[in-house]
Amino acid sequence: MCGQDYLGISLAMLQTDNGPEFGKWFHDQLNSKGITLRHSRVHKSNDNAHIERFNRTIQEECLSPNIRASIVPERIYWYLAYYNQFRRHPSINGNIRLIYHTDVYVIITPCRSN
């Protein structure tokens, strides 16, 4: 998967909500890599609180409602570089977050060729 290759890591487990975007292709990709899928508990929004907040930040700061789908992966790629290396984070007193902080958030995008 792209995120693993890019960061030079391997994932043992991935947690998602129960959204419809995680269909058969997604499950097949995880199975082929030996990655266990864990679902957040229904009606327990705190299970994904950090991820949901991060997703909201990406939506607000990186993606506009009328963005072309073909440029989304590149926009997110460059935004993540900015987010991890230059953006000031209110949650850590306005400091710049180091890319290898204690938490690692990985966004995995499909690597299929069109």
C-alpha atoms as a PDB file:
ATOM      1  CA  MET A   1       0.000   0.000   0.000  1.00  0.00           C
ATOM      2  CA  CYS A   2       1.257   3.473  -0.806  1.00  0.00           C
ATOM      3  CA  GLY A   3       1.449   4.724   2.784  1.00  0.00           C
ATOM      4  CA  GLN A   4       3.560   1.787   3.911  1.00  0.00           C
ATOM      5  CA  ASP A   5       5.928   2.110   0.979  1.00  0.00           C
ATOM      6  CA  TYR A   6       6.267   5.868   1.370  1.00  0.00           C
ATOM      7  CA  LEU A   7       7.029   5.743   5.096  1.00  0.00           C
ATOM      8  CA  GLY A   8       9.017   2.509   5.014  1.00  0.00           C
ATOM      9  CA  ILE A   9       6.789   0.869   7.619  1.00  0.00           C
ATOM     10  CA  SER A  10       4.454  -2.086   7.691  1.00  0.00           C
ATOM     11  CA  LEU A  11       1.036  -2.018   9.276  1.00  0.00           C
ATOM     12  CA  ALA A  12      -0.260  -4.885  11.373  1.00  0.00           C
ATOM     13  CA  MET A  13      -3.712  -3.415  12.019  1.00  0.00           C
ATOM     14  CA  LEU A  14      -5.863  -0.648  10.591  1.00  0.00           C
ATOM     15  CA  GLN A  15      -8.912   0.865  12.274  1.00  0.00           C
ATOM     16  CA  THR A  16     -11.811   2.342  10.321  1.00  0.00           C
ATOM     17  CA  ASP A  17     -15.370   3.271  10.976  1.00  0.00           C
ATOM     18  CA  ASN A  18     -18.107   1.268   9.276  1.00  0.00           C
ATOM     19  CA  GLY A  19     -18.356   3.593   6.269  1.00  0.00           C
ATOM     20  CA  PRO A  20     -19.445   2.379   2.837  1.00  0.00           C
ATOM     21  CA  GLU A  21     -16.146   3.488   1.280  1.00  0.00           C
ATOM     22  CA  PHE A  22     -14.458   0.488   2.841  1.00  0.00           C
ATOM     23  CA  GLY A  23     -15.805  -2.098   0.425  1.00  0.00           C
ATOM     24  CA  LYS A  24     -14.598  -5.369  -1.040  1.00  0.00           C
ATOM     25  CA  TRP A  25     -11.583  -3.910  -2.896  1.00  0.00           C
ATOM     26  CA  PHE A  26     -10.329  -2.284   0.314  1.00  0.00           C
ATOM     27  CA  HIS A  27     -10.788  -5.500   2.323  1.00  0.00           C
ATOM     28  CA  ASP A  28      -9.054  -7.539  -0.377  1.00  0.00           C
ATOM     29  CA  GLN A  29      -6.058  -5.163  -0.344  1.00  0.00           C
ATOM     30  CA  LEU A  30      -5.697  -5.451   3.422  1.00  0.00           C
ATOM     31  CA  ASN A  31      -6.016  -9.244   3.314  1.00  0.00           C
ATOM     32  CA  SER A  32      -3.378  -9.500   0.582  1.00  0.00           C
ATOM     33  CA  LYS A  33      -0.937  -7.573   2.802  1.00  0.00           C
ATOM     34  CA  GLY A  34      -1.794  -9.490   5.980  1.00  0.00           C
ATOM     35  CA  ILE A  35      -3.249  -6.404   7.674  1.00  0.00           C
ATOM     36  CA  THR A  36      -5.968  -6.941  10.270  1.00  0.00           C
ATOM     37  CA  LEU A  37      -9.006  -4.673   9.987  1.00  0.00           C
ATOM     38  CA  ARG A  38     -10.569  -3.354  13.162  1.00  0.00           C
ATOM     39  CA  HIS A  39     -13.833  -1.413  13.138  1.00  0.00           C
ATOM     40  CA  SER A  40     -14.673   1.306  15.603  1.00  0.00           C
ATOM     41  CA  ARG A  41     -17.642   0.597  17.807  1.00  0.00           C
ATOM     42  CA  VAL A  42     -21.032   1.734  16.543  1.00  0.00           C
ATOM     43  CA  HIS A  43     -22.170   5.023  18.134  1.00  0.00           C
ATOM     44  CA  LYS A  44     -18.804   5.461  19.903  1.00  0.00           C
ATOM     45  CA  SER A  45     -17.451   8.518  18.100  1.00  0.00           C
ATOM     46  CA  ASN A  46     -14.560   8.826  20.561  1.00  0.00           C
ATOM     47  CA  ASP A  47     -13.016   5.673  19.058  1.00  0.00           C
ATOM     48  CA  ASN A  48     -12.005   7.728  16.022  1.00  0.00           C
ATOM     49  CA  ALA A  49     -11.865  11.206  17.556  1.00  0.00           C
ATOM     50  CA  HIS A  50      -8.268  11.984  16.498  1.00  0.00           C
ATOM     51  CA  ILE A  51      -8.813  10.639  13.007  1.00  0.00           C
ATOM     52  CA  GLU A  52     -12.110  12.494  12.570  1.00  0.00           C
ATOM     53  CA  ARG A  53     -10.491  15.763  13.664  1.00  0.00           C
ATOM     54  CA  PHE A  54      -7.564  15.189  11.316  1.00  0.00           C
ATOM     55  CA  ASN A  55      -9.980  14.448   8.473  1.00  0.00           C
ATOM     56  CA  ARG A  56     -11.851  17.680   9.226  1.00  0.00           C
ATOM     57  CA  THR A  57      -8.565  19.637   9.143  1.00  0.00           C
ATOM     58  CA  ILE A  58      -7.718  18.176   5.727  1.00  0.00           C
ATOM     59  CA  GLN A  59     -11.212  18.966   4.430  1.00  0.00           C
ATOM     60  CA  GLU A  60     -11.055  22.564   5.681  1.00  0.00           C
ATOM     61  CA  GLU A  61      -7.442  23.417   4.838  1.00  0.00           C
ATOM     62  CA  CYS A  62      -6.668  21.324   1.784  1.00  0.00           C
ATOM     63  CA  LEU A  63      -9.753  20.325  -0.180  1.00  0.00           C
ATOM     64  CA  SER A  64     -12.477  22.528  -1.574  1.00  0.00           C
ATOM     65  CA  PRO A  65     -15.987  21.179  -2.285  1.00  0.00           C
ATOM     66  CA  ASN A  66     -15.550  21.473  -6.053  1.00  0.00           C
ATOM     67  CA  ILE A  67     -12.038  20.025  -6.384  1.00  0.00           C
ATOM     68  CA  ARG A  68     -11.427  17.614  -9.274  1.00  0.00           C
ATOM     69  CA  ALA A  69     -11.017  14.057  -8.023  1.00  0.00           C
ATOM     70  CA  SER A  70      -7.978  13.522 -10.243  1.00  0.00           C
ATOM     71  CA  ILE A  71      -5.872  16.035  -8.285  1.00  0.00           C
ATOM     72  CA  VAL A  72      -6.911  14.991  -4.754  1.00  0.00           C
ATOM     73  CA  PRO A  73      -4.022  12.515  -4.153  1.00  0.00           C
ATOM     74  CA  GLU A  74      -1.393  15.085  -5.155  1.00  0.00           C
ATOM     75  CA  ARG A  75      -3.022  17.851  -3.075  1.00  0.00           C
ATOM     76  CA  ILE A  76      -3.116  15.562  -0.037  1.00  0.00           C
ATOM     77  CA  TYR A  77       0.504  14.477  -0.595  1.00  0.00           C
ATOM     78  CA  TRP A  78       1.743  18.090  -0.526  1.00  0.00           C
ATOM     79  CA  TYR A  79      -0.603  19.072   2.298  1.00  0.00           C
ATOM     80  CA  LEU A  80       0.731  16.257   4.506  1.00  0.00           C
ATOM     81  CA  ALA A  81       4.287  17.464   3.923  1.00  0.00           C
ATOM     82  CA  TYR A  82       3.193  20.959   4.977  1.00  0.00           C
ATOM     83  CA  TYR A  83       1.161  19.611   7.926  1.00  0.00           C
ATOM     84  CA  ASN A  84       4.026  17.559   9.338  1.00  0.00           C
ATOM     85  CA  GLN A  85       6.909  19.935   8.661  1.00  0.00           C
ATOM     86  CA  PHE A  86       5.682  23.554   8.639  1.00  0.00           C
ATOM     87  CA  ARG A  87       2.149  23.965  10.020  1.00  0.00           C
ATOM     88  CA  ARG A  88       1.803  25.352  13.534  1.00  0.00           C
ATOM     89  CA  HIS A  89      -0.440  23.193  15.715  1.00  0.00           C
ATOM     90  CA  PRO A  90      -2.641  24.821  18.369  1.00  0.00           C
ATOM     91  CA  SER A  91      -2.841  21.552  20.316  1.00  0.00           C
ATOM     92  CA  ILE A  92       0.912  21.657  20.987  1.00  0.00           C
ATOM     93  CA  ASN A  93       1.141  25.350  21.877  1.00  0.00           C
ATOM     94  CA  GLY A  94       1.590  26.537  18.299  1.00  0.00           C
ATOM     95  CA  ASN A  95       4.690  24.431  17.745  1.00  0.00           C
ATOM     96  CA  ILE A  96       5.533  22.641  14.547  1.00  0.00           C
ATOM     97  CA  ARG A  97       4.863  18.930  14.785  1.00  0.00           C
ATOM     98  CA  LEU A  98       7.787  16.685  13.954  1.00  0.00           C
ATOM     99  CA  ILE A  99       7.033  14.019  11.379  1.00  0.00           C
ATOM    100  CA  TYR A 100       8.104  11.216  13.725  1.00  0.00           C
ATOM    101  CA  HIS A 101       6.158  12.339  16.774  1.00  0.00           C
ATOM    102  CA  THR A 102       4.824   9.732  19.199  1.00  0.00           C
ATOM    103  CA  ASP A 103       1.723   9.180  17.044  1.00  0.00           C
ATOM    104  CA  VAL A 104       1.893   8.176  13.409  1.00  0.00           C
ATOM    105  CA  TYR A 105      -1.108   8.907  11.242  1.00  0.00           C
ATOM    106  CA  VAL A 106      -1.038   7.321   7.834  1.00  0.00           C
ATOM    107  CA  ILE A 107      -3.456   8.037   5.051  1.00  0.00           C
ATOM    108  CA  ILE A 108      -3.593   5.168   2.618  1.00  0.00           C
ATOM    109  CA  THR A 109      -4.844   6.004  -0.835  1.00  0.00           C
ATOM    110  CA  PRO A 110      -5.636   3.418  -3.497  1.00  0.00           C
ATOM    111  CA  CYS A 111      -2.629   2.722  -5.737  1.00  0.00           C
ATOM    112  CA  ARG A 112      -4.644   1.462  -8.675  1.00  0.00           C
ATOM    113  CA  SER A 113      -3.771   2.782 -12.097  1.00  0.00           C
ATOM    114  CA  ASN A 114      -6.747   4.165 -13.997  1.00  0.00           C
END
